[in-house]
């Protein structure tokens, strides 16, 4: 299977987890700090996110289509007609959204930090 197909599978699985994460993050400021169900749901959603990102990273590393040592130039050289570049851009955007959700949730419910930390080790 080509990297864009494998990568797309991981991206789709990870993206599907994002709306629940965003909803949980948005509700974090109104949740009781001792709500174990909320804490468990939030941590579980990011464990799945982390698992999918690990799979994507592995698929990308195993790919022969990714050139090593490419300098970071943001979107200056982004080719929207290249499926691999579009997939990578989407994965980066997805990570930014997930990290924003974590930041928002931790601001509303700091107790999640120690619970979430162990599942986010890369």
PDB file of N, CA and C in Angstrom:
ATOM      1  N   UNK A   1       0.851  -1.169   0.000  1.00  0.00           N
ATOM      2  CA  UNK A   1       0.000   0.000   0.000  1.00  0.00           C
ATOM      3  C   UNK A   1       0.903   1.240   0.000  1.00  0.00           C
ATOM      4  N   UNK A   2       0.568   2.213  -0.784  1.00  0.00           N
ATOM      5  CA  UNK A   2       1.350   3.445  -0.912  1.00  0.00           C
ATOM      6  C   UNK A   2       1.205   4.284   0.354  1.00  0.00           C
ATOM      7  N   UNK A   3       2.245   5.072   0.661  1.00  0.00           N
ATOM      8  CA  UNK A   3       2.261   5.884   1.884  1.00  0.00           C
ATOM      9  C   UNK A   3       1.044   6.789   1.986  1.00  0.00           C
ATOM     10  N   UNK A   4       0.578   7.345   0.881  1.00  0.00           N
ATOM     11  CA  UNK A   4      -0.575   8.241   0.996  1.00  0.00           C
ATOM     12  C   UNK A   4      -1.821   7.462   1.414  1.00  0.00           C
ATOM     13  N   UNK A   5      -1.962   6.225   0.975  1.00  0.00           N
ATOM     14  CA  UNK A   5      -3.111   5.409   1.386  1.00  0.00           C
ATOM     15  C   UNK A   5      -3.015   5.031   2.854  1.00  0.00           C
ATOM     16  N   UNK A   6      -1.835   4.560   3.271  1.00  0.00           N
ATOM     17  CA  UNK A   6      -1.625   4.188   4.670  1.00  0.00           C
ATOM     18  C   UNK A   6      -1.763   5.424   5.559  1.00  0.00           C
ATOM     19  N   UNK A   7      -1.120   6.494   5.153  1.00  0.00           N
ATOM     20  CA  UNK A   7      -1.188   7.734   5.929  1.00  0.00           C
ATOM     21  C   UNK A   7      -2.603   8.254   6.031  1.00  0.00           C
ATOM     22  N   UNK A   8      -3.361   8.150   4.952  1.00  0.00           N
ATOM     23  CA  UNK A   8      -4.742   8.620   4.962  1.00  0.00           C
ATOM     24  C   UNK A   8      -5.580   7.811   5.950  1.00  0.00           C
ATOM     25  N   UNK A   9      -5.315   6.514   6.047  1.00  0.00           N
ATOM     26  CA  UNK A   9      -6.041   5.680   7.005  1.00  0.00           C
ATOM     27  C   UNK A   9      -5.794   6.160   8.436  1.00  0.00           C
ATOM     28  N   UNK A  10      -4.528   6.426   8.763  1.00  0.00           N
ATOM     29  CA  UNK A  10      -4.203   6.915  10.108  1.00  0.00           C
ATOM     30  C   UNK A  10      -4.784   8.308  10.333  1.00  0.00           C
ATOM     31  N   UNK A  11      -4.704   9.148   9.315  1.00  0.00           N
ATOM     32  CA  UNK A  11      -5.252  10.501   9.437  1.00  0.00           C
ATOM     33  C   UNK A  11      -6.755  10.450   9.690  1.00  0.00           C
ATOM     34  N   UNK A  12      -7.468   9.625   8.915  1.00  0.00           N
ATOM     35  CA  UNK A  12      -8.919   9.529   9.082  1.00  0.00           C
ATOM     36  C   UNK A  12      -9.287   9.023  10.476  1.00  0.00           C
ATOM     37  N   UNK A  13      -8.571   8.014  10.960  1.00  0.00           N
ATOM     38  CA  UNK A  13      -8.850   7.472  12.292  1.00  0.00           C
ATOM     39  C   UNK A  13      -8.581   8.520  13.368  1.00  0.00           C
ATOM     40  N   UNK A  14      -7.509   9.272  13.205  1.00  0.00           N
ATOM     41  CA  UNK A  14      -7.156  10.291  14.189  1.00  0.00           C
ATOM     42  C   UNK A  14      -8.145  11.446  14.138  1.00  0.00           C
ATOM     43  N   UNK A  15      -8.537  11.831  12.944  1.00  0.00           N
ATOM     44  CA  UNK A  15      -9.480  12.945  12.769  1.00  0.00           C
ATOM     45  C   UNK A  15     -10.829  12.627  13.391  1.00  0.00           C
ATOM     46  N   UNK A  16     -11.252  11.373  13.297  1.00  0.00           N
ATOM     47  CA  UNK A  16     -12.534  10.975  13.878  1.00  0.00           C
ATOM     48  C   UNK A  16     -12.537  11.140  15.397  1.00  0.00           C
ATOM     49  N   UNK A  17     -11.369  11.040  16.008  1.00  0.00           N
ATOM     50  CA  UNK A  17     -11.272  11.209  17.461  1.00  0.00           C
ATOM     51  C   UNK A  17     -11.283  12.682  17.857  1.00  0.00           C
ATOM     52  N   UNK A  18     -11.043  13.579  16.912  1.00  0.00           N
ATOM     53  CA  UNK A  18     -10.874  14.991  17.251  1.00  0.00           C
ATOM     54  C   UNK A  18     -12.151  15.685  17.743  1.00  0.00           C
ATOM     55  N   UNK A  19     -13.324  15.493  17.116  1.00  0.00           N
ATOM     56  CA  UNK A  19     -14.513  16.176  17.641  1.00  0.00           C
ATOM     57  C   UNK A  19     -14.812  15.846  19.105  1.00  0.00           C
ATOM     58  N   UNK A  20     -14.734  14.555  19.536  1.00  0.00           N
ATOM     59  CA  UNK A  20     -14.948  14.300  20.961  1.00  0.00           C
ATOM     60  C   UNK A  20     -13.921  15.016  21.846  1.00  0.00           C
ATOM     61  N   UNK A  21     -12.677  15.080  21.400  1.00  0.00           N
ATOM     62  CA  UNK A  21     -11.655  15.777  22.178  1.00  0.00           C
ATOM     63  C   UNK A  21     -12.005  17.248  22.305  1.00  0.00           C
ATOM     64  N   UNK A  22     -12.430  17.843  21.217  1.00  0.00           N
ATOM     65  CA  UNK A  22     -12.780  19.263  21.249  1.00  0.00           C
ATOM     66  C   UNK A  22     -13.985  19.504  22.149  1.00  0.00           C
ATOM     67  N   UNK A  23     -14.968  18.601  22.105  1.00  0.00           N
ATOM     68  CA  UNK A  23     -16.140  18.735  22.964  1.00  0.00           C
ATOM     69  C   UNK A  23     -15.778  18.581  24.434  1.00  0.00           C
ATOM     70  N   UNK A  24     -14.935  17.605  24.724  1.00  0.00           N
ATOM     71  CA  UNK A  24     -14.492  17.410  26.101  1.00  0.00           C
ATOM     72  C   UNK A  24     -13.703  18.621  26.585  1.00  0.00           C
ATOM     73  N   UNK A  25     -12.847  19.140  25.739  1.00  0.00           N
ATOM     74  CA  UNK A  25     -12.040  20.312  26.123  1.00  0.00           C
ATOM     75  C   UNK A  25     -12.951  21.506  26.395  1.00  0.00           C
ATOM     76  N   UNK A  26     -13.949  21.704  25.544  1.00  0.00           N
ATOM     77  CA  UNK A  26     -14.855  22.838  25.717  1.00  0.00           C
ATOM     78  C   UNK A  26     -15.657  22.731  27.013  1.00  0.00           C
ATOM     79  N   UNK A  27     -15.947  21.503  27.438  1.00  0.00           N
ATOM     80  CA  UNK A  27     -16.737  21.296  28.657  1.00  0.00           C
ATOM     81  C   UNK A  27     -15.890  21.225  29.925  1.00  0.00           C
ATOM     82  N   UNK A  28     -14.592  21.228  29.786  1.00  0.00           N
ATOM     83  CA  UNK A  28     -13.712  20.982  30.930  1.00  0.00           C
ATOM     84  C   UNK A  28     -13.854  22.014  32.044  1.00  0.00           C
ATOM     85  N   UNK A  29     -14.157  23.249  31.698  1.00  0.00           N
ATOM     86  CA  UNK A  29     -14.245  24.273  32.737  1.00  0.00           C
ATOM     87  C   UNK A  29     -15.515  24.146  33.585  1.00  0.00           C
ATOM     88  N   UNK A  30     -16.511  23.403  33.093  1.00  0.00           N
ATOM     89  CA  UNK A  30     -17.755  23.264  33.849  1.00  0.00           C
ATOM     90  C   UNK A  30     -17.896  21.880  34.494  1.00  0.00           C
ATOM     91  N   UNK A  31     -16.850  21.081  34.417  1.00  0.00           N
ATOM     92  CA  UNK A  31     -16.895  19.727  34.973  1.00  0.00           C
ATOM     93  C   UNK A  31     -16.344  19.742  36.397  1.00  0.00           C
ATOM     94  N   UNK A  32     -16.939  18.930  37.232  1.00  0.00           N
ATOM     95  CA  UNK A  32     -16.430  18.759  38.585  1.00  0.00           C
ATOM     96  C   UNK A  32     -15.021  18.169  38.496  1.00  0.00           C
ATOM     97  N   UNK A  33     -14.050  18.753  39.196  1.00  0.00           N
ATOM     98  CA  UNK A  33     -12.668  18.248  39.122  1.00  0.00           C
ATOM     99  C   UNK A  33     -12.528  16.787  39.539  1.00  0.00           C
ATOM    100  N   UNK A  34     -13.488  16.256  40.271  1.00  0.00           N
ATOM    101  CA  UNK A  34     -13.425  14.865  40.721  1.00  0.00           C
ATOM    102  C   UNK A  34     -14.207  13.907  39.813  1.00  0.00           C
ATOM    103  N   UNK A  35     -14.687  14.389  38.672  1.00  0.00           N
ATOM    104  CA  UNK A  35     -15.478  13.564  37.760  1.00  0.00           C
ATOM    105  C   UNK A  35     -14.565  12.563  37.060  1.00  0.00           C
ATOM    106  N   UNK A  36     -14.504  11.360  37.583  1.00  0.00           N
ATOM    107  CA  UNK A  36     -13.608  10.313  37.058  1.00  0.00           C
ATOM    108  C   UNK A  36     -14.011   9.873  35.646  1.00  0.00           C
ATOM    109  N   UNK A  37     -15.301   9.865  35.341  1.00  0.00           N
ATOM    110  CA  UNK A  37     -15.744   9.471  33.994  1.00  0.00           C
ATOM    111  C   UNK A  37     -15.221  10.461  32.954  1.00  0.00           C
ATOM    112  N   UNK A  38     -15.330  11.766  33.267  1.00  0.00           N
ATOM    113  CA  UNK A  38     -14.823  12.779  32.348  1.00  0.00           C
ATOM    114  C   UNK A  38     -13.315  12.621  32.169  1.00  0.00           C
ATOM    115  N   UNK A  39     -12.611  12.453  33.261  1.00  0.00           N
ATOM    116  CA  UNK A  39     -11.158  12.291  33.197  1.00  0.00           C
ATOM    117  C   UNK A  39     -10.783  11.087  32.346  1.00  0.00           C
ATOM    118  N   UNK A  40     -11.476   9.987  32.562  1.00  0.00           N
ATOM    119  CA  UNK A  40     -11.203   8.767  31.804  1.00  0.00           C
ATOM    120  C   UNK A  40     -11.506   8.957  30.318  1.00  0.00           C
ATOM    121  N   UNK A  41     -12.642   9.576  30.005  1.00  0.00           N
ATOM    122  CA  UNK A  41     -13.006   9.813  28.596  1.00  0.00           C
ATOM    123  C   UNK A  41     -11.959  10.691  27.907  1.00  0.00           C
ATOM    124  N   UNK A  42     -11.508  11.726  28.604  1.00  0.00           N
ATOM    125  CA  UNK A  42     -10.548  12.652  28.011  1.00  0.00           C
ATOM    126  C   UNK A  42      -9.214  11.953  27.752  1.00  0.00           C
ATOM    127  N   UNK A  43      -8.722  11.238  28.739  1.00  0.00           N
ATOM    128  CA  UNK A  43      -7.441  10.543  28.598  1.00  0.00           C
ATOM    129  C   UNK A  43      -7.539   9.464  27.525  1.00  0.00           C
ATOM    130  N   UNK A  44      -8.630   8.710  27.511  1.00  0.00           N
ATOM    131  CA  UNK A  44      -8.809   7.655  26.513  1.00  0.00           C
ATOM    132  C   UNK A  44      -8.816   8.219  25.095  1.00  0.00           C
ATOM    133  N   UNK A  45      -9.462   9.372  24.904  1.00  0.00           N
ATOM    134  CA  UNK A  45      -9.512   9.955  23.563  1.00  0.00           C
ATOM    135  C   UNK A  45      -8.114  10.311  23.063  1.00  0.00           C
ATOM    136  N   UNK A  46      -7.250  10.763  23.963  1.00  0.00           N
ATOM    137  CA  UNK A  46      -5.905  11.120  23.527  1.00  0.00           C
ATOM    138  C   UNK A  46      -4.968   9.925  23.445  1.00  0.00           C
ATOM    139  N   UNK A  47      -5.277   8.850  24.137  1.00  0.00           N
ATOM    140  CA  UNK A  47      -4.497   7.623  23.954  1.00  0.00           C
ATOM    141  C   UNK A  47      -4.702   7.119  22.525  1.00  0.00           C
ATOM    142  N   UNK A  48      -5.954   7.146  22.059  1.00  0.00           N
ATOM    143  CA  UNK A  48      -6.242   6.743  20.683  1.00  0.00           C
ATOM    144  C   UNK A  48      -5.572   7.663  19.678  1.00  0.00           C
ATOM    145  N   UNK A  49      -5.598   8.953  19.967  1.00  0.00           N
ATOM    146  CA  UNK A  49      -4.937   9.935  19.105  1.00  0.00           C
ATOM    147  C   UNK A  49      -3.444   9.616  19.012  1.00  0.00           C
ATOM    148  N   UNK A  50      -2.829   9.370  20.155  1.00  0.00           N
ATOM    149  CA  UNK A  50      -1.402   9.078  20.207  1.00  0.00           C
ATOM    150  C   UNK A  50      -1.072   7.793  19.446  1.00  0.00           C
ATOM    151  N   UNK A  51      -1.897   6.769  19.601  1.00  0.00           N
ATOM    152  CA  UNK A  51      -1.685   5.504  18.897  1.00  0.00           C
ATOM    153  C   UNK A  51      -1.727   5.715  17.386  1.00  0.00           C
ATOM    154  N   UNK A  52      -2.699   6.477  16.910  1.00  0.00           N
ATOM    155  CA  UNK A  52      -2.808   6.735  15.476  1.00  0.00           C
ATOM    156  C   UNK A  52      -1.645   7.573  14.962  1.00  0.00           C
ATOM    157  N   UNK A  53      -1.198   8.538  15.754  1.00  0.00           N
ATOM    158  CA  UNK A  53      -0.057   9.348  15.325  1.00  0.00           C
ATOM    159  C   UNK A  53       1.217   8.504  15.272  1.00  0.00           C
ATOM    160  N   UNK A  54       1.374   7.586  16.203  1.00  0.00           N
ATOM    161  CA  UNK A  54       2.516   6.671  16.158  1.00  0.00           C
ATOM    162  C   UNK A  54       2.482   5.839  14.879  1.00  0.00           C
ATOM    163  N   UNK A  55       1.295   5.353  14.539  1.00  0.00           N
ATOM    164  CA  UNK A  55       1.156   4.567  13.304  1.00  0.00           C
ATOM    165  C   UNK A  55       1.486   5.391  12.078  1.00  0.00           C
ATOM    166  N   UNK A  56       1.018   6.633  12.060  1.00  0.00           N
ATOM    167  CA  UNK A  56       1.321   7.507  10.934  1.00  0.00           C
ATOM    168  C   UNK A  56       2.826   7.759  10.840  1.00  0.00           C
ATOM    169  N   UNK A  57       3.448   8.042  11.971  1.00  0.00           N
ATOM    170  CA  UNK A  57       4.891   8.304  11.983  1.00  0.00           C
ATOM    171  C   UNK A  57       5.675   7.103  11.468  1.00  0.00           C
ATOM    172  N   UNK A  58       5.256   5.921  11.885  1.00  0.00           N
ATOM    173  CA  UNK A  58       5.920   4.700  11.429  1.00  0.00           C
ATOM    174  C   UNK A  58       5.733   4.519   9.925  1.00  0.00           C
ATOM    175  N   UNK A  59       4.508   4.728   9.446  1.00  0.00           N
ATOM    176  CA  UNK A  59       4.243   4.587   8.013  1.00  0.00           C
ATOM    177  C   UNK A  59       5.081   5.579   7.214  1.00  0.00           C
ATOM    178  N   UNK A  60       5.202   6.792   7.710  1.00  0.00           N
ATOM    179  CA  UNK A  60       5.992   7.802   7.018  1.00  0.00           C
ATOM    180  C   UNK A  60       7.472   7.436   7.025  1.00  0.00           C
ATOM    181  N   UNK A  61       7.960   6.968   8.162  1.00  0.00           N
ATOM    182  CA  UNK A  61       9.372   6.588   8.258  1.00  0.00           C
ATOM    183  C   UNK A  61       9.698   5.414   7.348  1.00  0.00           C
ATOM    184  N   UNK A  62       8.747   4.505   7.195  1.00  0.00           N
ATOM    185  CA  UNK A  62       8.959   3.334   6.341  1.00  0.00           C
ATOM    186  C   UNK A  62       8.823   3.657   4.857  1.00  0.00           C
ATOM    187  N   UNK A  63       8.316   4.806   4.563  1.00  0.00           N
ATOM    188  CA  UNK A  63       8.068   5.176   3.176  1.00  0.00           C
ATOM    189  C   UNK A  63       9.361   5.559   2.461  1.00  0.00           C
ATOM    190  N   UNK A  64       9.449   5.198   1.222  1.00  0.00           N
ATOM    191  CA  UNK A  64      10.602   5.614   0.425  1.00  0.00           C
ATOM    192  C   UNK A  64      10.328   6.928  -0.286  1.00  0.00           C
ATOM    193  N   UNK A  65       9.089   7.412  -0.193  1.00  0.00           N
ATOM    194  CA  UNK A  65       8.754   8.643  -0.910  1.00  0.00           C
ATOM    195  C   UNK A  65       9.088   9.906  -0.121  1.00  0.00           C
ATOM    196  N   UNK A  66       9.411   9.758   1.154  1.00  0.00           N
ATOM    197  CA  UNK A  66       9.759  10.933   1.957  1.00  0.00           C
ATOM    198  C   UNK A  66      11.271  11.121   1.935  1.00  0.00           C
ATOM    199  N   UNK A  67      11.699  12.278   1.540  1.00  0.00           N
ATOM    200  CA  UNK A  67      13.127  12.562   1.479  1.00  0.00           C
ATOM    201  C   UNK A  67      13.652  13.085   2.802  1.00  0.00           C
ATOM    202  N   UNK A  68      14.709  12.484   3.334  1.00  0.00           N
ATOM    203  CA  UNK A  68      15.265  12.953   4.600  1.00  0.00           C
ATOM    204  C   UNK A  68      15.989  14.284   4.441  1.00  0.00           C
ATOM    205  N   UNK A  69      16.036  15.021   5.506  1.00  0.00           N
ATOM    206  CA  UNK A  69      16.819  16.254   5.520  1.00  0.00           C
ATOM    207  C   UNK A  69      16.184  17.424   4.802  1.00  0.00           C
ATOM    208  N   UNK A  70      14.885  17.367   4.528  1.00  0.00           N
ATOM    209  CA  UNK A  70      14.219  18.472   3.863  1.00  0.00           C
ATOM    210  C   UNK A  70      14.060  19.616   4.856  1.00  0.00           C
ATOM    211  N   UNK A  71      14.564  20.808   4.507  1.00  0.00           N
ATOM    212  CA  UNK A  71      14.459  21.920   5.453  1.00  0.00           C
ATOM    213  C   UNK A  71      13.010  22.363   5.660  1.00  0.00           C
ATOM    214  N   UNK A  72      12.709  22.856   6.862  1.00  0.00           N
ATOM    215  CA  UNK A  72      11.372  23.330   7.188  1.00  0.00           C
ATOM    216  C   UNK A  72      11.168  24.722   6.612  1.00  0.00           C
ATOM    217  N   UNK A  73      10.200  24.855   5.708  1.00  0.00           N
ATOM    218  CA  UNK A  73       9.928  26.151   5.090  1.00  0.00           C
ATOM    219  C   UNK A  73       8.456  26.489   5.174  1.00  0.00           C
ATOM    220  N   UNK A  74       7.751  25.874   6.140  1.00  0.00           N
ATOM    221  CA  UNK A  74       6.333  26.169   6.271  1.00  0.00           C
ATOM    222  C   UNK A  74       5.573  25.814   5.007  1.00  0.00           C
ATOM    223  N   UNK A  75       4.685  26.693   4.589  1.00  0.00           N
ATOM    224  CA  UNK A  75       3.886  26.443   3.384  1.00  0.00           C
ATOM    225  C   UNK A  75       4.480  27.091   2.140  1.00  0.00           C
ATOM    226  N   UNK A  76       5.687  27.634   2.264  1.00  0.00           N
ATOM    227  CA  UNK A  76       6.298  28.337   1.131  1.00  0.00           C
ATOM    228  C   UNK A  76       6.420  27.445  -0.096  1.00  0.00           C
ATOM    229  N   UNK A  77       6.691  26.168   0.102  1.00  0.00           N
ATOM    230  CA  UNK A  77       6.868  25.251  -1.026  1.00  0.00           C
ATOM    231  C   UNK A  77       5.767  24.196  -1.086  1.00  0.00           C
ATOM    232  N   UNK A  78       4.665  24.453  -0.409  1.00  0.00           N
ATOM    233  CA  UNK A  78       3.559  23.495  -0.366  1.00  0.00           C
ATOM    234  C   UNK A  78       2.915  23.368  -1.738  1.00  0.00           C
ATOM    235  N   UNK A  79       2.776  22.131  -2.199  1.00  0.00           N
ATOM    236  CA  UNK A  79       2.148  21.834  -3.487  1.00  0.00           C
ATOM    237  C   UNK A  79       0.816  21.141  -3.203  1.00  0.00           C
ATOM    238  N   UNK A  80      -0.275  21.878  -3.321  1.00  0.00           N
ATOM    239  CA  UNK A  80      -1.592  21.331  -2.985  1.00  0.00           C
ATOM    240  C   UNK A  80      -2.038  20.218  -3.931  1.00  0.00           C
ATOM    241  N   UNK A  81      -1.327  20.015  -5.033  1.00  0.00           N
ATOM    242  CA  UNK A  81      -1.672  18.924  -5.944  1.00  0.00           C
ATOM    243  C   UNK A  81      -0.943  17.638  -5.577  1.00  0.00           C
ATOM    244  N   UNK A  82      -0.030  17.708  -4.603  1.00  0.00           N
ATOM    245  CA  UNK A  82       0.728  16.538  -4.165  1.00  0.00           C
ATOM    246  C   UNK A  82       0.003  15.920  -2.971  1.00  0.00           C
ATOM    247  N   UNK A  83      -0.495  14.694  -3.155  1.00  0.00           N
ATOM    248  CA  UNK A  83      -1.278  14.031  -2.111  1.00  0.00           C
ATOM    249  C   UNK A  83      -0.503  13.868  -0.802  1.00  0.00           C
ATOM    250  N   UNK A  84       0.770  13.526  -0.899  1.00  0.00           N
ATOM    251  CA  UNK A  84       1.570  13.333   0.310  1.00  0.00           C
ATOM    252  C   UNK A  84       1.750  14.658   1.060  1.00  0.00           C
ATOM    253  N   UNK A  85       2.027  15.715   0.345  1.00  0.00           N
ATOM    254  CA  UNK A  85       2.186  17.018   0.998  1.00  0.00           C
ATOM    255  C   UNK A  85       0.884  17.470   1.650  1.00  0.00           C
ATOM    256  N   UNK A  86      -0.220  17.233   0.977  1.00  0.00           N
ATOM    257  CA  UNK A  86      -1.513  17.611   1.533  1.00  0.00           C
ATOM    258  C   UNK A  86      -1.811  16.797   2.790  1.00  0.00           C
ATOM    259  N   UNK A  87      -1.519  15.501   2.743  1.00  0.00           N
ATOM    260  CA  UNK A  87      -1.721  14.657   3.902  1.00  0.00           C
ATOM    261  C   UNK A  87      -0.867  15.133   5.078  1.00  0.00           C
ATOM    262  N   UNK A  88       0.385  15.423   4.831  1.00  0.00           N
ATOM    263  CA  UNK A  88       1.274  15.899   5.900  1.00  0.00           C
ATOM    264  C   UNK A  88       0.777  17.223   6.478  1.00  0.00           C
ATOM    265  N   UNK A  89       0.371  18.130   5.613  1.00  0.00           N
ATOM    266  CA  UNK A  89      -0.160  19.415   6.081  1.00  0.00           C
ATOM    267  C   UNK A  89      -1.385  19.189   6.953  1.00  0.00           C
ATOM    268  N   UNK A  90      -2.274  18.295   6.529  1.00  0.00           N
ATOM    269  CA  UNK A  90      -3.478  18.007   7.306  1.00  0.00           C
ATOM    270  C   UNK A  90      -3.146  17.378   8.658  1.00  0.00           C
ATOM    271  N   UNK A  91      -2.150  16.500   8.685  1.00  0.00           N
ATOM    272  CA  UNK A  91      -1.744  15.876   9.941  1.00  0.00           C
ATOM    273  C   UNK A  91      -1.161  16.917  10.887  1.00  0.00           C
ATOM    274  N   UNK A  92      -0.365  17.837  10.372  1.00  0.00           N
ATOM    275  CA  UNK A  92       0.189  18.910  11.211  1.00  0.00           C
ATOM    276  C   UNK A  92      -0.944  19.763  11.767  1.00  0.00           C
ATOM    277  N   UNK A  93      -1.904  20.116  10.928  1.00  0.00           N
ATOM    278  CA  UNK A  93      -3.043  20.916  11.390  1.00  0.00           C
ATOM    279  C   UNK A  93      -3.844  20.163  12.454  1.00  0.00           C
ATOM    280  N   UNK A  94      -4.023  18.859  12.257  1.00  0.00           N
ATOM    281  CA  UNK A  94      -4.745  18.043  13.219  1.00  0.00           C
ATOM    282  C   UNK A  94      -4.032  18.045  14.570  1.00  0.00           C
ATOM    283  N   UNK A  95      -2.698  17.960  14.541  1.00  0.00           N
ATOM    284  CA  UNK A  95      -1.915  18.006  15.781  1.00  0.00           C
ATOM    285  C   UNK A  95      -2.066  19.353  16.468  1.00  0.00           C
ATOM    286  N   UNK A  96      -2.043  20.420  15.689  1.00  0.00           N
ATOM    287  CA  UNK A  96      -2.225  21.753  16.287  1.00  0.00           C
ATOM    288  C   UNK A  96      -3.583  21.844  16.974  1.00  0.00           C
ATOM    289  N   UNK A  97      -4.628  21.308  16.343  1.00  0.00           N
ATOM    290  CA  UNK A  97      -5.959  21.339  16.939  1.00  0.00           C
ATOM    291  C   UNK A  97      -6.023  20.491  18.209  1.00  0.00           C
ATOM    292  N   UNK A  98      -5.382  19.322  18.182  1.00  0.00           N
ATOM    293  CA  UNK A  98      -5.376  18.455  19.367  1.00  0.00           C
ATOM    294  C   UNK A  98      -4.645  19.132  20.521  1.00  0.00           C
ATOM    295  N   UNK A  99      -3.510  19.748  20.223  1.00  0.00           N
ATOM    296  CA  UNK A  99      -2.750  20.427  21.277  1.00  0.00           C
ATOM    297  C   UNK A  99      -3.515  21.631  21.827  1.00  0.00           C
ATOM    298  N   UNK A 100      -4.261  22.305  20.971  1.00  0.00           N
ATOM    299  CA  UNK A 100      -5.104  23.406  21.427  1.00  0.00           C
ATOM    300  C   UNK A 100      -6.188  22.880  22.376  1.00  0.00           C
ATOM    301  N   UNK A 101      -6.767  21.721  22.044  1.00  0.00           N
ATOM    302  CA  UNK A 101      -7.777  21.115  22.911  1.00  0.00           C
ATOM    303  C   UNK A 101      -7.183  20.743  24.270  1.00  0.00           C
ATOM    304  N   UNK A 102      -5.979  20.191  24.258  1.00  0.00           N
ATOM    305  CA  UNK A 102      -5.320  19.844  25.514  1.00  0.00           C
ATOM    306  C   UNK A 102      -5.076  21.101  26.334  1.00  0.00           C
ATOM    307  N   UNK A 103      -4.566  22.143  25.698  1.00  0.00           N
ATOM    308  CA  UNK A 103      -4.298  23.393  26.400  1.00  0.00           C
ATOM    309  C   UNK A 103      -5.579  23.960  27.005  1.00  0.00           C
ATOM    310  N   UNK A 104      -6.653  23.945  26.229  1.00  0.00           N
ATOM    311  CA  UNK A 104      -7.938  24.476  26.710  1.00  0.00           C
ATOM    312  C   UNK A 104      -8.447  23.650  27.887  1.00  0.00           C
ATOM    313  N   UNK A 105      -8.381  22.329  27.767  1.00  0.00           N
ATOM    314  CA  UNK A 105      -8.888  21.465  28.833  1.00  0.00           C
ATOM    315  C   UNK A 105      -8.060  21.602  30.105  1.00  0.00           C
ATOM    316  N   UNK A 106      -6.749  21.680  29.958  1.00  0.00           N
ATOM    317  CA  UNK A 106      -5.892  21.809  31.138  1.00  0.00           C
ATOM    318  C   UNK A 106      -6.082  23.158  31.810  1.00  0.00           C
ATOM    319  N   UNK A 107      -6.422  24.182  31.030  1.00  0.00           N
ATOM    320  CA  UNK A 107      -6.727  25.482  31.614  1.00  0.00           C
ATOM    321  C   UNK A 107      -7.998  25.428  32.447  1.00  0.00           C
ATOM    322  N   UNK A 108      -8.964  24.638  31.989  1.00  0.00           N
ATOM    323  CA  UNK A 108     -10.227  24.525  32.704  1.00  0.00           C
ATOM    324  C   UNK A 108     -10.209  23.492  33.809  1.00  0.00           C
ATOM    325  N   UNK A 109      -9.372  22.487  33.658  1.00  0.00           N
ATOM    326  CA  UNK A 109      -9.331  21.392  34.626  1.00  0.00           C
ATOM    327  C   UNK A 109      -7.893  20.887  34.740  1.00  0.00           C
ATOM    328  N   UNK A 110      -7.036  21.596  35.469  1.00  0.00           N
ATOM    329  CA  UNK A 110      -5.617  21.254  35.558  1.00  0.00           C
ATOM    330  C   UNK A 110      -5.351  19.836  36.060  1.00  0.00           C
ATOM    331  N   UNK A 111      -6.298  19.260  36.766  1.00  0.00           N
ATOM    332  CA  UNK A 111      -6.146  17.910  37.290  1.00  0.00           C
ATOM    333  C   UNK A 111      -5.889  16.883  36.177  1.00  0.00           C
ATOM    334  N   UNK A 112      -6.304  17.205  34.946  1.00  0.00           N
ATOM    335  CA  UNK A 112      -6.105  16.268  33.829  1.00  0.00           C
ATOM    336  C   UNK A 112      -4.633  16.115  33.445  1.00  0.00           C
ATOM    337  N   UNK A 113      -3.811  17.114  33.747  1.00  0.00           N
ATOM    338  CA  UNK A 113      -2.401  17.082  33.349  1.00  0.00           C
ATOM    339  C   UNK A 113      -1.678  15.817  33.769  1.00  0.00           C
ATOM    340  N   UNK A 114      -1.670  15.469  35.051  1.00  0.00           N
ATOM    341  CA  UNK A 114      -0.972  14.263  35.482  1.00  0.00           C
ATOM    342  C   UNK A 114      -1.579  12.981  34.932  1.00  0.00           C
ATOM    343  N   UNK A 115      -2.875  13.017  34.640  1.00  0.00           N
ATOM    344  CA  UNK A 115      -3.523  11.823  34.085  1.00  0.00           C
ATOM    345  C   UNK A 115      -3.189  11.656  32.612  1.00  0.00           C
ATOM    346  N   UNK A 116      -3.111  12.755  31.901  1.00  0.00           N
ATOM    347  CA  UNK A 116      -2.861  12.733  30.457  1.00  0.00           C
ATOM    348  C   UNK A 116      -1.386  12.520  30.135  1.00  0.00           C
ATOM    349  N   UNK A 117      -0.511  13.050  30.956  1.00  0.00           N
ATOM    350  CA  UNK A 117       0.926  13.002  30.698  1.00  0.00           C
ATOM    351  C   UNK A 117       1.475  11.644  30.298  1.00  0.00           C
ATOM    352  N   UNK A 118       1.217  10.582  31.067  1.00  0.00           N
ATOM    353  CA  UNK A 118       1.811   9.286  30.732  1.00  0.00           C
ATOM    354  C   UNK A 118       1.390   8.709  29.383  1.00  0.00           C
ATOM    355  N   UNK A 119       0.206   9.082  28.886  1.00  0.00           N
ATOM    356  CA  UNK A 119      -0.229   8.521  27.597  1.00  0.00           C
ATOM    357  C   UNK A 119       0.293   9.329  26.415  1.00  0.00           C
ATOM    358  N   UNK A 120       0.934  10.454  26.662  1.00  0.00           N
ATOM    359  CA  UNK A 120       1.395  11.307  25.578  1.00  0.00           C
ATOM    360  C   UNK A 120       2.907  11.271  25.390  1.00  0.00           C
ATOM    361  N   UNK A 121       3.541  10.252  25.910  1.00  0.00           N
ATOM    362  CA  UNK A 121       4.997  10.136  25.760  1.00  0.00           C
ATOM    363  C   UNK A 121       5.296   9.601  24.370  1.00  0.00           C
ATOM    364  N   UNK A 122       6.143  10.307  23.638  1.00  0.00           N
ATOM    365  CA  UNK A 122       6.458   9.901  22.264  1.00  0.00           C
ATOM    366  C   UNK A 122       7.810   9.254  22.206  1.00  0.00           C
TER     367      UNK A 122
END
